[in-house]
Amino acid sequence: MKNVSIEERAVELAHYIIDSKDTVRGAAKKFGISKSTVHKDVSDRLKKINPSLAKEVRVILDENKAERHIRGGMATKLKYSHMNLH
């Protein structure tokens, strides 16, 4: 994401998250930036740049947050699935 303004990056991140339904962590990895930068861009900066786009991305982020405990549980289940605990 070289030579891209912060505003352009925020909009690009928002479109990526909306289109892919990816998480903040996934977007950070895809764009090669930190999770906190992604969060700051799509939560704070985007409100000033494009409020309607900020609302759209907030819906996805809230869905991801609501599902986070399920994904964490599935990851734990997978991690220990090879062990015979009985």
Protein backbone atom coordinates (compact mmCIF):
# COMPACT_ATOMS: atom_id res chain seq x y z
CA MET A 1 0.00 0.00 0.00
CA LYS A 2 2.82 2.34 -0.77
CA ASN A 3 2.17 5.90 -1.94
CA VAL A 4 -1.46 5.83 -0.87
CA SER A 5 -2.91 8.57 1.31
CA ILE A 6 -4.37 7.67 4.68
CA GLU A 7 -7.82 8.61 3.41
CA GLU A 8 -7.49 6.36 0.34
CA ARG A 9 -6.22 3.52 2.52
CA ALA A 10 -9.18 3.87 4.89
CA VAL A 11 -11.66 3.72 2.01
CA GLU A 12 -9.83 0.79 0.40
CA LEU A 13 -9.80 -1.11 3.70
CA ALA A 14 -13.50 -0.46 4.21
CA HIS A 15 -14.39 -1.75 0.75
CA TYR A 16 -12.21 -4.82 1.29
CA ILE A 17 -13.84 -5.63 4.65
CA ILE A 18 -17.35 -5.08 3.28
CA ASP A 19 -16.75 -7.15 0.13
CA SER A 20 -14.87 -10.01 1.79
CA LYS A 21 -16.54 -9.92 5.24
CA ASP A 22 -12.99 -10.32 6.54
CA THR A 23 -11.94 -9.47 10.08
CA VAL A 24 -9.72 -6.59 11.18
CA ARG A 25 -6.95 -9.15 11.71
CA GLY A 26 -7.47 -10.57 8.20
CA ALA A 27 -7.49 -7.13 6.60
CA ALA A 28 -4.33 -6.17 8.48
CA LYS A 29 -2.56 -9.27 7.22
CA LYS A 30 -3.79 -8.75 3.64
CA PHE A 31 -2.67 -5.10 3.55
CA GLY A 32 0.52 -5.58 5.57
CA ILE A 33 -0.40 -3.12 8.31
CA SER A 34 -1.20 -3.45 12.01
CA LYS A 35 -4.62 -4.35 13.40
CA SER A 36 -4.70 -1.07 15.29
CA THR A 37 -4.10 0.86 12.06
CA VAL A 38 -6.94 -0.97 10.33
CA HIS A 39 -9.24 -0.32 13.28
CA LYS A 40 -8.29 3.36 13.48
CA ASP A 41 -8.79 3.80 9.72
CA VAL A 42 -12.20 2.15 9.48
CA SER A 43 -13.55 3.29 12.85
CA ASP A 44 -12.28 6.84 13.32
CA ARG A 45 -10.88 8.25 10.09
CA LEU A 46 -13.60 6.85 7.86
CA LYS A 47 -16.34 8.66 9.84
CA LYS A 48 -14.85 11.97 8.72
CA ILE A 49 -14.15 10.86 5.15
CA ASN A 50 -17.28 8.89 4.28
CA PRO A 51 -19.85 8.47 7.09
CA SER A 52 -22.15 6.14 5.11
CA LEU A 53 -19.25 3.82 4.25
CA ALA A 54 -18.21 3.91 7.92
CA LYS A 55 -21.69 2.71 8.91
CA GLU A 56 -21.52 -0.14 6.37
CA VAL A 57 -18.16 -1.37 7.62
CA ARG A 58 -19.34 -1.03 11.25
CA VAL A 59 -22.08 -3.60 10.52
CA ILE A 60 -19.45 -6.12 9.37
CA LEU A 61 -17.15 -5.37 12.31
CA ASP A 62 -20.02 -5.81 14.75
CA GLU A 63 -20.96 -9.15 13.13
CA ASN A 64 -17.36 -10.31 13.38
CA LYS A 65 -17.21 -9.24 17.01
CA ALA A 66 -20.42 -11.12 17.80
CA GLU A 67 -19.06 -14.27 16.13
CA ARG A 68 -15.59 -14.00 17.64
CA HIS A 69 -16.29 -16.33 20.56
CA ILE A 70 -17.62 -18.98 18.17
CA ARG A 71 -14.52 -18.81 15.96
CA GLY A 72 -12.30 -18.96 19.05
CA GLY A 73 -14.14 -22.04 20.30
CA MET A 74 -13.84 -23.72 16.93
CA ALA A 75 -10.12 -22.96 16.79
CA THR A 76 -9.66 -24.48 20.25
CA LYS A 77 -11.70 -27.53 19.29
CA LEU A 78 -9.59 -27.99 16.16
CA LYS A 79 -6.36 -27.50 18.09
CA TYR A 80 -7.21 -30.29 20.52
CA SER A 81 -9.12 -32.55 18.13
CA HIS A 82 -6.09 -34.74 17.47
CA MET A 83 -5.76 -35.57 21.17
CA ASN A 84 -7.74 -38.40 22.68
CA LEU A 85 -8.85 -36.89 25.96
CA HIS A 86 -10.87 -39.92 27.11
